[in-house]
Amino acid sequence: MGIWAAFRRRVDYLLASDWLSWFPFWRQEKRLERLIDEADASPQDPVKQTALLVELNKHSPESVIKRFEQREHAVDSRGVAEYLRALVVTNAIADFLPDEQSGKPSSLPALLQELKQRVAGNTDEPFVNPGLSEKQPLHVVMVDRKVSQKSRFAQELISTILFTVAVGLIWLMGAAALQKYIGSLGGIGASGVGSSSSYSPKDHNKEVMPEKNVKTFKDVKGCDDAKQELEEVVEYLKNPSKFTRLGGKLPKGILLTGAPGTGKTLLAKAIAGEAGVPFFYRAGSEFEEMFVGVGARRVRSLFQAAKKKAPCIIFIDEIDAVGSTRKQWEGHTKKTLHQLLVEMDGFEQNEVCSKGIILMAATNLPDILDPALTRPGRFDRHIVVPNPDVRGRQEILELYLKDKPISDDVDVKAIARGTPGFNGADLANLVNIAAIKAAVEGAEKLNGVQLEFAKDRIIMGTERKTMFVSEDSKKLTAYHESGHAIVAFNTEGAHPIHKATIMPRGSALGMVTQLPSNDETSISKKQLLARLDVCMGGRVAEELIFGQDHVTTGASSDLSTATELAQYMVSGK
């Protein structure tokens, strides 16, 4: 008995809770109970009475008739409409209709008149008089009560089924989303959730397609020697029989090396554009993946797609990501490199070359590449793409300024001479900074001042116009920089002075800029000694003007530069 009592208490607790509120029938019953409580609490509120009658009509029209005829609650015209609807649904309206057999007259007019008076007594709302005139007739439809309840039950059953199906679909979609999320994290678990069969690695089914390319040798400036060496590659792709006629074979792999920004990728695209062949571009990092074997599969897919489009060019940028020197402890991660070596020279050692496929690669670190990758028969031609000389920089500047409006005071040759060591990317950045400066100033054309501003910003840093500098500090800086300039002007072998300023830039309070008249390939002892003299000129000026006891730490960077240069002169390191 105690167990049965505890079970009944548990059942009563569950029924009293709202855990079944998601079920349609339960939700409707709870709503009906709430409406009954509100209507009983406010019997003179017609709005709440009407809301209850509307809900009762869905469940029990007999209850609507019984509650309405009690005459204990206020009603309005909408409540009267619900009462009439309940009469029609339950077929109780037949009691008010005429009967030809018994000769009973119709009592509908009296009923409607009574309803009108009841509404007028409870509310100021105007009552609609259906059935009392030809303009407002009363339409009565005889409905079998049993059929009505059956259809209502069918509707509720269908709604319940649809609700259950919707909840099931939402659950399945949520489970699929969770499974996909766990799979993307590489989670482990039961089959179908986080297992390798439920997801694929990144780009697993991606088709390898060639890149669209419109670049030609006209778009490559500043590396004429490299272009000249690659012209035979273009000729081979256009007319391979010219080389195979005498048994010659073009190198399978061409490795482009050089500093960042010299145009290695642009040069490879220009070759494909000149030859008019498909260009397959891949970065070295795209082959690496956390899943073992994915990189090797991507290499195979790349070469299979290239064989279908031959003759073509395959270009792997930053190949040092997959082609660095192999080590014993990381051999399991080098399957990608092994597959690349096999594709370039395996059992099918002549297939790649005979089909007209040229493999090109670029790297900034050629020293760390695996020797098996750079041996003859694979990447056996190395082409260095150096920084452009003064003539190359002038051509690059003219190329970037060609589509921009420039004023007559722009001297491209002077800008090229004043940018030693700049590569193509640096010059593109220089032109872009000048264009932004011109746009901010509202100028219609690029002028020499804006280009000079861009060059100084790259070389010396951004101007610090808001920096507070005392008058004594400005005077000291002016004498210090004047000492550099005077020594440079009067020392044989020193570079010509380009600009002297005391405007703070970066971490420097002032600067004297010297530019060589031509590009330097080697430096003589006289030029090195002249650089030492110029470095010490600022400190000497401070001693002459302010005295030895007032020399500041502003010459610390000059002393560091001079010490480093002197060590280089003595040791060669």
Protein backbone atom coordinates (compact mmCIF):
# COMPACT_ATOMS: atom_id res chain seq x y z
CA MET A 1 0.00 0.00 0.00
CA GLY A 2 2.83 2.36 0.75
CA ILE A 3 4.37 1.76 -2.67
CA TRP A 4 0.99 2.36 -4.37
CA ALA A 5 0.48 5.60 -2.44
CA ALA A 6 3.95 6.83 -3.41
CA PHE A 7 3.26 5.93 -7.04
CA ARG A 8 -0.02 7.89 -7.01
CA ARG A 9 1.70 10.91 -5.47
CA ARG A 10 4.34 10.79 -8.20
CA VAL A 11 1.67 10.57 -10.92
CA ASP A 12 -0.29 13.46 -9.40
CA TYR A 13 2.92 15.52 -9.26
CA LEU A 14 3.67 14.85 -12.92
CA LEU A 15 0.13 15.72 -13.95
CA ALA A 16 0.28 18.94 -11.96
CA SER A 17 3.57 19.97 -13.60
CA ASP A 18 3.91 21.56 -17.01
CA TRP A 19 6.14 18.94 -18.57
CA LEU A 20 3.32 17.88 -20.97
CA SER A 21 2.62 21.44 -22.06
CA TRP A 22 4.26 20.79 -25.43
CA PHE A 23 1.45 18.35 -26.43
CA PRO A 24 -1.38 20.10 -28.39
CA PHE A 25 -4.30 18.60 -26.40
CA TRP A 26 -2.65 19.41 -23.10
CA ARG A 27 -1.92 22.98 -24.19
CA GLN A 28 -5.54 23.54 -25.28
CA GLU A 29 -6.88 22.17 -22.00
CA LYS A 30 -4.63 24.45 -19.98
CA ARG A 31 -5.76 27.44 -22.07
CA LEU A 32 -9.44 26.54 -21.52
CA GLU A 33 -8.93 26.29 -17.76
CA ARG A 34 -7.28 29.70 -17.71
CA LEU A 35 -10.12 31.31 -19.72
CA ILE A 36 -12.76 29.78 -17.41
CA ASP A 37 -11.00 31.18 -14.34
CA GLU A 38 -10.73 34.65 -15.90
CA ALA A 39 -14.40 34.64 -17.01
CA ASP A 40 -15.67 33.50 -13.62
CA ALA A 41 -13.57 36.16 -11.91
CA SER A 42 -15.08 38.93 -14.09
CA PRO A 43 -18.70 37.98 -14.91
CA GLN A 44 -19.52 41.50 -16.12
CA ASP A 45 -16.65 41.69 -18.60
CA PRO A 46 -18.09 40.80 -22.04
CA VAL A 47 -14.66 40.56 -23.65
CA LYS A 48 -13.51 37.75 -21.35
CA GLN A 49 -16.89 36.01 -21.64
CA THR A 50 -16.65 36.08 -25.43
CA ALA A 51 -13.09 34.72 -25.39
CA LEU A 52 -14.31 31.80 -23.25
CA LEU A 53 -17.25 31.12 -25.57
CA VAL A 54 -14.94 31.06 -28.59
CA GLU A 55 -12.69 28.49 -26.96
CA LEU A 56 -15.65 26.43 -25.67
CA ASN A 57 -17.09 26.25 -29.17
CA LYS A 58 -13.98 24.33 -30.22
CA HIS A 59 -14.47 21.66 -27.57
CA SER A 60 -18.11 21.56 -26.36
CA PRO A 61 -20.81 23.69 -28.09
CA GLU A 62 -23.33 22.34 -25.52
CA SER A 63 -21.36 24.12 -22.80
CA VAL A 64 -21.65 27.38 -24.76
CA ILE A 65 -25.46 27.06 -24.90
CA LYS A 66 -25.70 26.14 -21.22
CA ARG A 67 -23.46 29.01 -20.08
CA PHE A 68 -25.14 31.57 -22.31
CA GLU A 69 -28.68 30.64 -21.21
CA GLN A 70 -27.76 30.95 -17.52
CA ARG A 71 -27.97 34.76 -17.99
CA GLU A 72 -25.36 35.31 -15.26
CA HIS A 73 -22.65 36.77 -17.49
CA ALA A 74 -22.42 39.86 -19.65
CA VAL A 75 -22.40 39.33 -23.42
CA ASP A 76 -21.79 41.38 -26.55
CA SER A 77 -22.61 40.86 -30.23
CA ARG A 78 -19.62 38.54 -30.70
CA GLY A 79 -20.81 36.41 -27.78
CA VAL A 80 -24.26 36.24 -29.38
CA ALA A 81 -22.62 35.08 -32.61
CA GLU A 82 -20.86 32.28 -30.74
CA TYR A 83 -24.20 31.29 -29.14
CA LEU A 84 -25.86 31.11 -32.56
CA ARG A 85 -22.94 29.10 -33.90
CA ALA A 86 -23.33 26.61 -31.04
CA LEU A 87 -27.08 26.33 -31.78
CA VAL A 88 -26.34 25.49 -35.40
CA VAL A 89 -23.55 23.01 -34.61
CA THR A 90 -25.62 21.11 -32.03
CA ASN A 91 -28.78 21.33 -34.21
CA ALA A 92 -30.56 23.06 -31.33
CA ILE A 93 -31.57 25.77 -33.82
CA ALA A 94 -34.28 23.35 -35.03
CA ASP A 95 -36.32 24.21 -31.95
CA PHE A 96 -36.70 27.77 -33.25
CA LEU A 97 -37.48 26.89 -36.89
CA PRO A 98 -41.06 26.48 -38.26
CA ASP A 99 -42.58 22.97 -38.52
CA GLU A 100 -44.97 22.52 -41.45
CA GLN A 101 -46.37 19.22 -40.16
CA SER A 102 -47.38 20.47 -36.74
CA GLY A 103 -48.03 24.02 -37.90
CA LYS A 104 -45.50 25.45 -35.48
CA PRO A 105 -44.42 28.99 -36.42
CA SER A 106 -40.83 30.21 -36.42
CA SER A 107 -39.58 31.65 -33.14
CA LEU A 108 -36.33 33.00 -34.55
CA PRO A 109 -37.50 36.63 -34.68
CA ALA A 110 -38.42 36.50 -31.01
CA LEU A 111 -35.06 34.90 -30.18
CA LEU A 112 -33.16 37.54 -32.09
CA GLN A 113 -35.17 40.33 -30.48
CA GLU A 114 -34.42 38.88 -27.05
CA LEU A 115 -30.73 38.66 -27.86
CA LYS A 116 -30.78 42.25 -29.01
CA GLN A 117 -32.27 43.42 -25.74
CA ARG A 118 -29.78 41.38 -23.73
CA VAL A 119 -26.81 42.88 -25.60
CA ALA A 120 -28.24 46.38 -25.24
CA GLY A 121 -28.58 45.84 -21.50
CA ASN A 122 -24.96 44.72 -21.02
CA THR A 123 -23.01 46.97 -23.36
CA ASP A 124 -23.25 50.08 -25.51
CA GLU A 125 -22.06 48.16 -28.58
CA PRO A 126 -24.57 48.26 -31.47
CA PHE A 127 -26.30 44.95 -32.15
CA VAL A 128 -26.42 43.47 -35.62
CA ASN A 129 -29.97 42.37 -36.51
CA PRO A 130 -29.53 39.26 -38.66
CA GLY A 131 -32.76 37.84 -40.01
CA LEU A 132 -34.86 40.92 -39.27
CA SER A 133 -34.52 42.48 -42.74
CA GLU A 134 -33.82 41.46 -46.31
CA LYS A 135 -30.45 43.28 -46.25
CA GLN A 136 -29.33 41.27 -43.20
CA PRO A 137 -30.72 37.74 -43.68
CA LEU A 138 -30.03 34.88 -41.32
CA HIS A 139 -28.30 31.97 -43.07
CA VAL A 140 -28.85 28.71 -41.24
CA VAL A 141 -26.96 25.56 -42.27
CA MET A 142 -28.13 22.25 -40.85
CA VAL A 143 -25.13 20.21 -39.79
CA ASP A 144 -25.17 16.71 -38.43
CA ARG A 145 -23.74 16.88 -34.94
CA LYS A 146 -21.98 13.53 -35.15
CA VAL A 147 -20.24 14.43 -38.38
CA SER A 148 -19.07 17.75 -36.90
CA GLN A 149 -17.47 16.08 -33.90
CA LYS A 150 -15.80 13.48 -36.09
CA SER A 151 -14.29 16.14 -38.34
CA ARG A 152 -13.11 18.08 -35.29
CA PHE A 153 -11.47 14.97 -33.89
CA ALA A 154 -9.81 14.33 -37.27
CA GLN A 155 -8.48 17.88 -37.34
CA GLU A 156 -7.04 17.55 -33.87
CA LEU A 157 -5.51 14.18 -34.75
CA ILE A 158 -3.94 15.57 -37.93
CA SER A 159 -2.57 18.59 -36.06
CA THR A 160 -1.03 16.30 -33.45
CA ILE A 161 0.60 14.13 -36.12
CA LEU A 162 1.97 17.18 -37.94
CA PHE A 163 3.32 18.58 -34.69
CA THR A 164 5.03 15.29 -33.87
CA VAL A 165 6.56 15.10 -37.36
CA ALA A 166 7.82 18.68 -37.07
CA VAL A 167 9.44 17.96 -33.70
CA GLY A 168 11.07 14.85 -35.17
CA LEU A 169 12.47 16.76 -38.13
CA ILE A 170 13.87 19.46 -35.86
CA TRP A 171 15.51 16.77 -33.71
CA LEU A 172 17.05 15.10 -36.76
CA MET A 173 18.35 18.43 -38.12
CA GLY A 174 19.84 19.28 -34.74
CA ALA A 175 21.51 15.87 -34.51
CA ALA A 176 22.93 16.27 -38.03
CA ALA A 177 24.26 19.74 -37.22
CA LEU A 178 25.84 18.48 -34.01
CA GLN A 179 27.36 15.55 -35.87
CA LYS A 180 28.84 17.88 -38.49
CA TYR A 181 30.23 20.20 -35.82
CA ILE A 182 31.86 17.33 -33.93
CA GLY A 183 33.23 16.00 -37.20
CA SER A 184 34.76 19.38 -38.08
CA LEU A 185 36.59 19.32 -34.75
CA GLY A 186 38.00 15.89 -35.55
CA GLY A 187 36.18 14.37 -32.59
CA ILE A 188 36.08 10.65 -31.92
CA GLY A 189 33.14 8.56 -30.96
CA ALA A 190 30.67 6.08 -32.26
CA SER A 191 30.24 5.41 -35.93
CA GLY A 192 28.36 8.26 -37.58
CA VAL A 193 29.19 10.86 -34.91
CA GLY A 194 32.67 12.30 -35.22
CA SER A 195 33.95 9.31 -37.19
CA SER A 196 36.00 9.71 -40.33
CA SER A 197 33.12 8.37 -42.42
CA SER A 198 30.81 11.23 -41.47
CA TYR A 199 32.84 14.06 -42.92
CA SER A 200 35.54 14.76 -45.45
CA PRO A 201 38.74 16.80 -45.10
CA LYS A 202 38.85 20.33 -46.39
CA ASP A 203 38.32 20.54 -50.15
CA HIS A 204 38.27 16.72 -50.35
CA ASN A 205 36.02 16.68 -53.40
CA LYS A 206 37.11 19.99 -54.89
CA GLU A 207 37.90 19.72 -58.58
CA VAL A 208 41.30 21.05 -59.56
CA MET A 209 40.75 23.81 -62.11
CA PRO A 210 43.27 26.11 -63.80
CA GLU A 211 43.42 29.77 -62.88
CA LYS A 212 42.28 32.50 -65.24
CA ASN A 213 45.37 34.41 -66.33
CA VAL A 214 45.81 37.53 -68.48
CA LYS A 215 49.37 38.50 -67.52
CA THR A 216 52.15 38.70 -70.10
CA PHE A 217 55.80 39.70 -70.18
CA LYS A 218 54.69 43.31 -70.71
CA ASP A 219 53.43 43.33 -67.13
CA VAL A 220 56.80 42.17 -65.73
CA LYS A 221 59.45 44.86 -65.33
CA GLY A 222 62.81 45.01 -63.64
CA CYS A 223 63.93 41.39 -64.24
CA ASP A 224 64.93 41.29 -67.90
CA ASP A 225 67.55 38.57 -67.37
CA ALA A 226 65.03 36.22 -65.80
CA LYS A 227 62.52 36.91 -68.56
CA GLN A 228 65.11 36.21 -71.22
CA GLU A 229 65.99 32.88 -69.63
CA LEU A 230 62.35 31.87 -69.48
CA GLU A 231 61.56 32.75 -73.07
CA GLU A 232 62.64 29.26 -74.16
CA VAL A 233 59.99 27.82 -71.83
CA VAL A 234 57.37 29.84 -73.68
CA GLU A 235 58.77 28.66 -77.00
CA TYR A 236 58.68 25.04 -75.82
CA LEU A 237 55.03 25.32 -74.78
CA LYS A 238 54.12 26.90 -78.11
CA ASN A 239 56.21 24.60 -80.31
CA PRO A 240 57.47 21.49 -78.43
CA SER A 241 58.49 19.69 -81.66
CA LYS A 242 61.24 22.24 -82.15
CA PHE A 243 63.04 20.82 -79.10
CA THR A 244 62.13 17.15 -79.39
CA ARG A 245 63.28 17.02 -83.05
CA LEU A 246 66.91 16.80 -81.96
CA GLY A 247 66.22 14.78 -78.83
CA GLY A 248 66.38 17.72 -76.47
CA LYS A 249 64.31 17.87 -73.32
CA LEU A 250 63.32 20.96 -71.45
CA PRO A 251 63.90 20.88 -67.68
CA LYS A 252 60.89 19.50 -65.83
CA GLY A 253 61.14 21.88 -62.91
CA ILE A 254 62.06 25.57 -62.75
CA LEU A 255 62.72 27.04 -59.32
CA LEU A 256 62.38 30.81 -58.92
CA THR A 257 64.28 32.21 -55.95
CA GLY A 258 64.71 35.70 -54.65
CA ALA A 259 63.69 38.13 -51.94
CA PRO A 260 59.99 38.66 -51.18
CA GLY A 261 58.25 41.08 -53.53
CA THR A 262 60.54 40.71 -56.55
CA GLY A 263 57.76 39.31 -58.77
CA LYS A 264 58.28 35.54 -58.86
CA THR A 265 54.58 34.68 -58.98
CA LEU A 266 53.92 37.40 -61.54
CA LEU A 267 56.71 36.02 -63.70
CA ALA A 268 55.19 32.53 -63.65
CA LYS A 269 51.77 33.90 -64.63
CA ALA A 270 53.37 35.88 -67.45
CA ILE A 271 54.90 32.71 -68.89
CA ALA A 272 51.48 31.02 -68.97
CA GLY A 273 49.93 34.16 -70.50
CA GLU A 274 52.58 34.41 -73.20
CA ALA A 275 52.24 30.75 -74.13
CA GLY A 276 48.43 30.79 -73.87
CA VAL A 277 48.28 27.59 -71.80
CA PRO A 278 46.34 26.71 -68.60
CA PHE A 279 47.94 27.84 -65.35
CA PHE A 280 47.49 25.71 -62.22
CA TYR A 281 48.33 27.69 -59.09
CA ARG A 282 48.74 26.14 -55.66
CA ALA A 283 50.36 27.38 -52.46
CA GLY A 284 52.63 25.04 -50.57
CA SER A 285 50.53 25.32 -47.43
CA GLU A 286 47.45 23.97 -49.26
CA PHE A 287 48.97 20.50 -49.37
CA GLU A 288 49.51 20.21 -45.64
CA GLU A 289 46.61 18.88 -43.58
CA MET A 290 46.08 17.31 -40.18
CA PHE A 291 44.87 14.10 -41.87
CA VAL A 292 47.60 11.71 -42.98
CA GLY A 293 47.68 11.19 -46.74
CA VAL A 294 45.57 14.21 -47.71
CA GLY A 295 48.56 16.19 -48.99
CA ALA A 296 49.77 13.30 -51.14
CA ARG A 297 46.27 12.86 -52.58
CA ARG A 298 46.12 16.54 -53.50
CA VAL A 299 49.45 16.27 -55.30
CA ARG A 300 48.13 13.33 -57.32
CA SER A 301 44.92 15.19 -58.12
CA LEU A 302 46.88 18.25 -59.24
CA PHE A 303 49.08 16.31 -61.65
CA GLN A 304 46.14 14.26 -62.97
CA ALA A 305 44.22 17.45 -63.76
CA ALA A 306 47.32 18.96 -65.39
CA LYS A 307 47.79 15.92 -67.65
CA LYS A 308 44.26 16.41 -68.95
CA LYS A 309 44.98 20.07 -69.80
CA ALA A 310 48.51 19.61 -71.18
CA PRO A 311 50.43 21.55 -72.32
CA CYS A 312 50.15 23.64 -69.17
CA ILE A 313 52.08 25.11 -66.25
CA ILE A 314 51.88 24.01 -62.61
CA PHE A 315 53.06 26.67 -60.20
CA ILE A 316 53.61 25.93 -56.50
CA ASP A 317 54.19 29.08 -54.48
CA GLU A 318 56.20 28.94 -51.24
CA ILE A 319 57.27 25.36 -51.93
CA ASP A 320 59.45 25.38 -48.83
CA ALA A 321 56.25 24.65 -46.85
CA VAL A 322 56.27 21.07 -48.17
CA GLY A 323 59.76 20.72 -49.66
CA SER A 324 61.99 21.52 -46.70
CA THR A 325 64.75 19.14 -45.69
CA ARG A 326 63.42 15.85 -44.32
CA LYS A 327 64.33 14.74 -40.83
CA GLN A 328 64.04 11.29 -39.36
CA TRP A 329 61.78 12.28 -36.49
CA GLU A 330 59.23 13.94 -38.78
CA GLY A 331 59.22 11.44 -41.63
CA HIS A 332 55.53 10.66 -41.14
CA THR A 333 54.66 14.23 -42.13
CA LYS A 334 56.62 14.17 -45.41
CA LYS A 335 54.30 11.99 -47.47
CA THR A 336 53.42 15.06 -49.53
CA LEU A 337 57.07 15.62 -50.46
CA HIS A 338 57.48 11.93 -51.31
CA GLN A 339 54.49 12.03 -53.63
CA LEU A 340 55.81 15.19 -55.29
CA LEU A 341 59.18 13.52 -55.90
CA VAL A 342 57.48 10.49 -57.43
CA GLU A 343 55.29 12.60 -59.70
CA MET A 344 58.31 14.51 -60.98
CA ASP A 345 60.53 11.49 -61.57
CA GLY A 346 59.18 8.04 -60.79
CA PHE A 347 58.49 5.04 -62.98
CA GLU A 348 56.71 7.42 -65.36
CA GLN A 349 59.84 9.50 -65.53
CA ASN A 350 59.24 10.99 -68.98
CA GLU A 351 55.45 11.36 -68.90
CA VAL A 352 55.30 14.78 -67.32
CA CYS A 353 57.85 16.29 -69.65
CA SER A 354 56.58 14.51 -72.76
CA LYS A 355 53.06 15.74 -72.17
CA GLY A 356 54.23 19.36 -72.11
CA ILE A 357 53.77 20.02 -68.38
CA ILE A 358 56.16 22.54 -66.87
CA LEU A 359 56.41 22.55 -63.07
CA MET A 360 57.44 25.87 -61.59
CA ALA A 361 57.94 26.78 -57.97
CA ALA A 362 58.94 29.84 -55.98
CA THR A 363 60.60 30.22 -52.60
CA ASN A 364 62.37 32.83 -50.53
CA LEU A 365 64.45 30.17 -48.74
CA PRO A 366 66.14 27.93 -51.31
CA ASP A 367 68.75 26.73 -48.80
CA ILE A 368 66.26 24.72 -46.74
CA LEU A 369 64.85 22.70 -49.65
CA ASP A 370 65.45 18.96 -49.71
CA PRO A 371 68.39 17.95 -51.96
CA ALA A 372 66.24 15.29 -53.64
CA LEU A 373 63.93 18.04 -54.82
CA THR A 374 66.61 20.27 -56.34
CA ARG A 375 68.70 17.57 -58.02
CA PRO A 376 69.00 17.39 -61.83
CA GLY A 377 65.88 15.81 -63.32
CA ARG A 378 63.53 17.57 -60.95
CA PHE A 379 64.03 21.25 -60.13
CA ASP A 380 67.26 21.37 -62.02
CA ARG A 381 67.02 24.97 -63.25
CA HIS A 382 67.28 27.69 -60.64
CA ILE A 383 66.52 31.25 -61.69
CA VAL A 384 67.27 34.08 -59.30
CA VAL A 385 64.86 37.02 -59.47
CA PRO A 386 66.86 39.89 -57.92
CA ASN A 387 65.80 43.32 -56.77
CA PRO A 388 65.54 45.68 -59.74
CA ASP A 389 68.33 48.11 -60.55
CA VAL A 390 67.77 51.81 -61.15
CA ARG A 391 66.58 51.25 -64.72
CA GLY A 392 64.28 48.43 -63.60
CA ARG A 393 62.83 50.59 -60.84
CA GLN A 394 62.14 53.32 -63.36
CA GLU A 395 60.28 50.87 -65.61
CA ILE A 396 58.25 49.54 -62.67
CA LEU A 397 57.29 53.07 -61.59
CA GLU A 398 56.27 53.96 -65.13
CA LEU A 399 54.12 50.81 -65.25
CA TYR A 400 52.32 51.64 -62.00
CA LEU A 401 51.91 55.32 -62.92
CA LYS A 402 50.66 54.57 -66.42
CA ASP A 403 46.98 54.42 -65.47
CA LYS A 404 47.11 57.35 -63.01
CA PRO A 405 46.96 61.10 -63.73
CA ILE A 406 50.34 62.69 -62.95
CA SER A 407 51.51 66.30 -63.11
CA ASP A 408 54.43 67.59 -65.13
CA ASP A 409 56.74 67.98 -62.12
CA VAL A 410 56.99 64.21 -61.53
CA ASP A 411 60.53 62.99 -62.27
CA VAL A 412 60.30 59.21 -62.40
CA LYS A 413 64.04 58.84 -62.93
CA ALA A 414 64.83 60.85 -59.78
CA ILE A 415 62.40 58.75 -57.74
CA ALA A 416 63.97 55.55 -59.09
CA ARG A 417 67.45 56.80 -58.21
CA GLY A 418 66.26 57.69 -54.70
CA THR A 419 64.83 54.25 -53.96
CA PRO A 420 67.84 51.90 -53.89
CA GLY A 421 66.98 48.43 -52.63
CA PHE A 422 63.28 48.80 -53.36
CA ASN A 423 61.59 45.86 -55.08
CA GLY A 424 58.40 45.78 -57.11
CA ALA A 425 56.14 45.45 -54.08
CA ASP A 426 57.82 48.41 -52.36
CA LEU A 427 57.40 50.59 -55.45
CA ALA A 428 53.74 49.60 -55.77
CA ASN A 429 53.28 50.57 -52.13
CA LEU A 430 55.02 53.90 -52.76
CA VAL A 431 52.66 54.79 -55.62
CA ASN A 432 49.65 53.70 -53.56
CA ILE A 433 50.64 55.87 -50.57
CA ALA A 434 51.12 58.85 -52.89
CA ALA A 435 47.69 58.27 -54.47
CA ILE A 436 46.06 58.13 -51.03
CA LYS A 437 47.87 61.33 -50.03
CA ALA A 438 46.62 63.06 -53.19
CA ALA A 439 43.06 61.89 -52.54
CA VAL A 440 43.17 63.22 -48.96
CA GLU A 441 44.42 66.60 -50.19
CA GLY A 442 41.75 66.70 -52.91
CA ALA A 443 44.29 66.92 -55.74
CA GLU A 444 43.31 65.91 -59.25
CA LYS A 445 46.78 64.63 -60.20
CA LEU A 446 49.76 63.03 -58.51
CA ASN A 447 52.65 65.44 -58.11
CA GLY A 448 56.27 65.14 -57.14
CA VAL A 449 55.69 66.34 -53.57
CA GLN A 450 53.27 63.52 -52.85
CA LEU A 451 55.61 60.89 -54.30
CA GLU A 452 58.48 62.33 -52.27
CA PHE A 453 56.30 62.20 -49.16
CA ALA A 454 55.52 58.54 -49.83
CA LYS A 455 59.21 57.71 -50.29
CA ASP A 456 60.21 59.46 -47.06
CA ARG A 457 57.43 57.71 -45.18
CA ILE A 458 58.68 54.30 -46.30
CA ILE A 459 62.36 55.04 -45.70
CA MET A 460 62.27 57.23 -42.58
CA GLY A 461 58.84 56.56 -41.07
CA THR A 462 55.77 58.67 -40.41
CA GLU A 463 56.14 62.32 -39.47
CA ARG A 464 55.43 63.06 -35.80
CA LYS A 465 54.04 66.56 -36.14
CA THR A 466 52.26 66.55 -32.80
CA MET A 467 55.38 65.57 -30.82
CA PHE A 468 56.43 68.26 -28.36
CA VAL A 469 60.10 69.20 -28.76
CA SER A 470 61.66 71.99 -26.71
CA GLU A 471 63.62 74.78 -28.34
CA ASP A 472 66.89 73.56 -26.82
CA SER A 473 66.29 70.08 -28.20
CA LYS A 474 65.46 71.49 -31.64
CA LYS A 475 68.68 73.57 -31.58
CA LEU A 476 70.75 70.57 -30.53
CA THR A 477 69.19 68.37 -33.22
CA ALA A 478 69.79 71.03 -35.88
CA TYR A 479 73.50 71.30 -35.05
CA HIS A 480 73.81 67.51 -34.88
CA GLU A 481 72.28 66.94 -38.32
CA SER A 482 74.25 69.89 -39.72
CA GLY A 483 77.45 68.15 -38.61
CA HIS A 484 76.45 65.05 -40.62
CA ALA A 485 75.65 67.15 -43.66
CA ILE A 486 78.84 69.24 -43.55
CA VAL A 487 81.09 66.19 -43.22
CA ALA A 488 79.23 64.38 -46.03
CA PHE A 489 79.50 67.44 -48.27
CA ASN A 490 83.25 67.87 -47.74
CA THR A 491 84.38 64.20 -47.58
CA GLU A 492 85.53 62.51 -50.76
CA GLY A 493 83.78 59.22 -51.40
CA ALA A 494 80.64 60.09 -49.44
CA HIS A 495 77.24 59.84 -51.12
CA PRO A 496 75.49 63.05 -52.20
CA ILE A 497 73.09 64.58 -49.69
CA HIS A 498 69.44 64.19 -50.63
CA LYS A 499 67.63 65.71 -47.67
CA ALA A 500 68.36 67.03 -44.16
CA THR A 501 65.50 67.52 -41.71
CA ILE A 502 64.83 67.93 -38.00
CA MET A 503 61.21 66.79 -38.33
CA PRO A 504 60.82 63.81 -35.97
CA ARG A 505 60.16 60.60 -37.87
CA GLY A 506 59.81 57.23 -36.20
CA SER A 507 62.25 57.11 -33.29
CA ALA A 508 64.63 59.75 -34.74
CA LEU A 509 64.45 63.47 -33.98
CA GLY A 510 66.18 64.33 -37.25
CA MET A 511 67.85 62.72 -40.23
CA VAL A 512 70.23 63.35 -43.10
CA THR A 513 69.46 61.21 -46.14
CA GLN A 514 72.18 60.33 -48.65
CA LEU A 515 71.48 58.69 -51.98
CA PRO A 516 74.05 57.09 -54.27
CA SER A 517 74.27 58.43 -57.76
CA ASN A 518 74.20 54.86 -59.13
CA ASP A 519 73.49 51.36 -57.83
CA GLU A 520 76.46 49.95 -55.91
CA THR A 521 77.74 46.46 -56.58
CA SER A 522 80.86 46.79 -54.42
CA ILE A 523 82.14 49.35 -51.91
CA SER A 524 85.71 50.64 -51.75
CA LYS A 525 87.75 51.34 -48.63
CA LYS A 526 87.52 55.08 -49.27
CA GLN A 527 83.73 54.93 -49.31
CA LEU A 528 83.66 52.93 -46.07
CA LEU A 529 85.96 55.43 -44.34
CA ALA A 530 83.77 58.25 -45.62
CA ARG A 531 80.73 56.58 -44.02
CA LEU A 532 82.60 56.40 -40.72
CA ASP A 533 83.42 60.12 -40.95
CA VAL A 534 79.78 61.00 -41.67
CA CYS A 535 78.58 58.92 -38.72
CA MET A 536 80.88 60.80 -36.33
CA GLY A 537 80.09 64.23 -37.79
CA GLY A 538 77.05 64.77 -35.56
CA ARG A 539 78.96 64.08 -32.32
CA VAL A 540 81.84 66.34 -33.38
CA ALA A 541 79.38 69.16 -34.09
CA GLU A 542 77.90 68.84 -30.60
CA GLU A 543 81.36 69.01 -29.02
CA LEU A 544 82.35 72.09 -31.03
CA ILE A 545 79.16 74.03 -30.33
CA PHE A 546 78.11 72.96 -26.82
CA GLY A 547 81.34 71.59 -25.35
CA GLN A 548 82.51 68.09 -24.50
CA ASP A 549 80.54 67.99 -21.26
CA HIS A 550 77.24 68.70 -23.05
CA VAL A 551 77.39 65.90 -25.62
CA THR A 552 74.07 64.02 -25.50
CA THR A 553 73.01 60.45 -26.13
CA GLY A 554 71.55 61.45 -29.49
CA ALA A 555 74.71 60.10 -31.15
CA SER A 556 74.22 56.58 -29.73
CA SER A 557 72.75 55.22 -32.95
CA ASP A 558 75.61 56.83 -34.94
CA LEU A 559 78.16 55.16 -32.65
CA SER A 560 76.43 51.77 -33.05
CA THR A 561 76.42 52.09 -36.83
CA ALA A 562 80.08 53.14 -36.92
CA THR A 563 81.13 50.28 -34.59
CA GLU A 564 79.29 47.72 -36.70
CA LEU A 565 80.85 49.08 -39.90
CA ALA A 566 84.34 49.06 -38.38
CA GLN A 567 83.96 45.45 -37.25
CA TYR A 568 82.82 44.50 -40.74
CA MET A 569 85.86 46.20 -42.27
CA VAL A 570 88.25 44.32 -39.98
CA SER A 571 86.66 40.87 -39.76
CA GLY A 572 84.55 40.77 -42.95
CA LYS A 573 81.51 39.55 -40.95
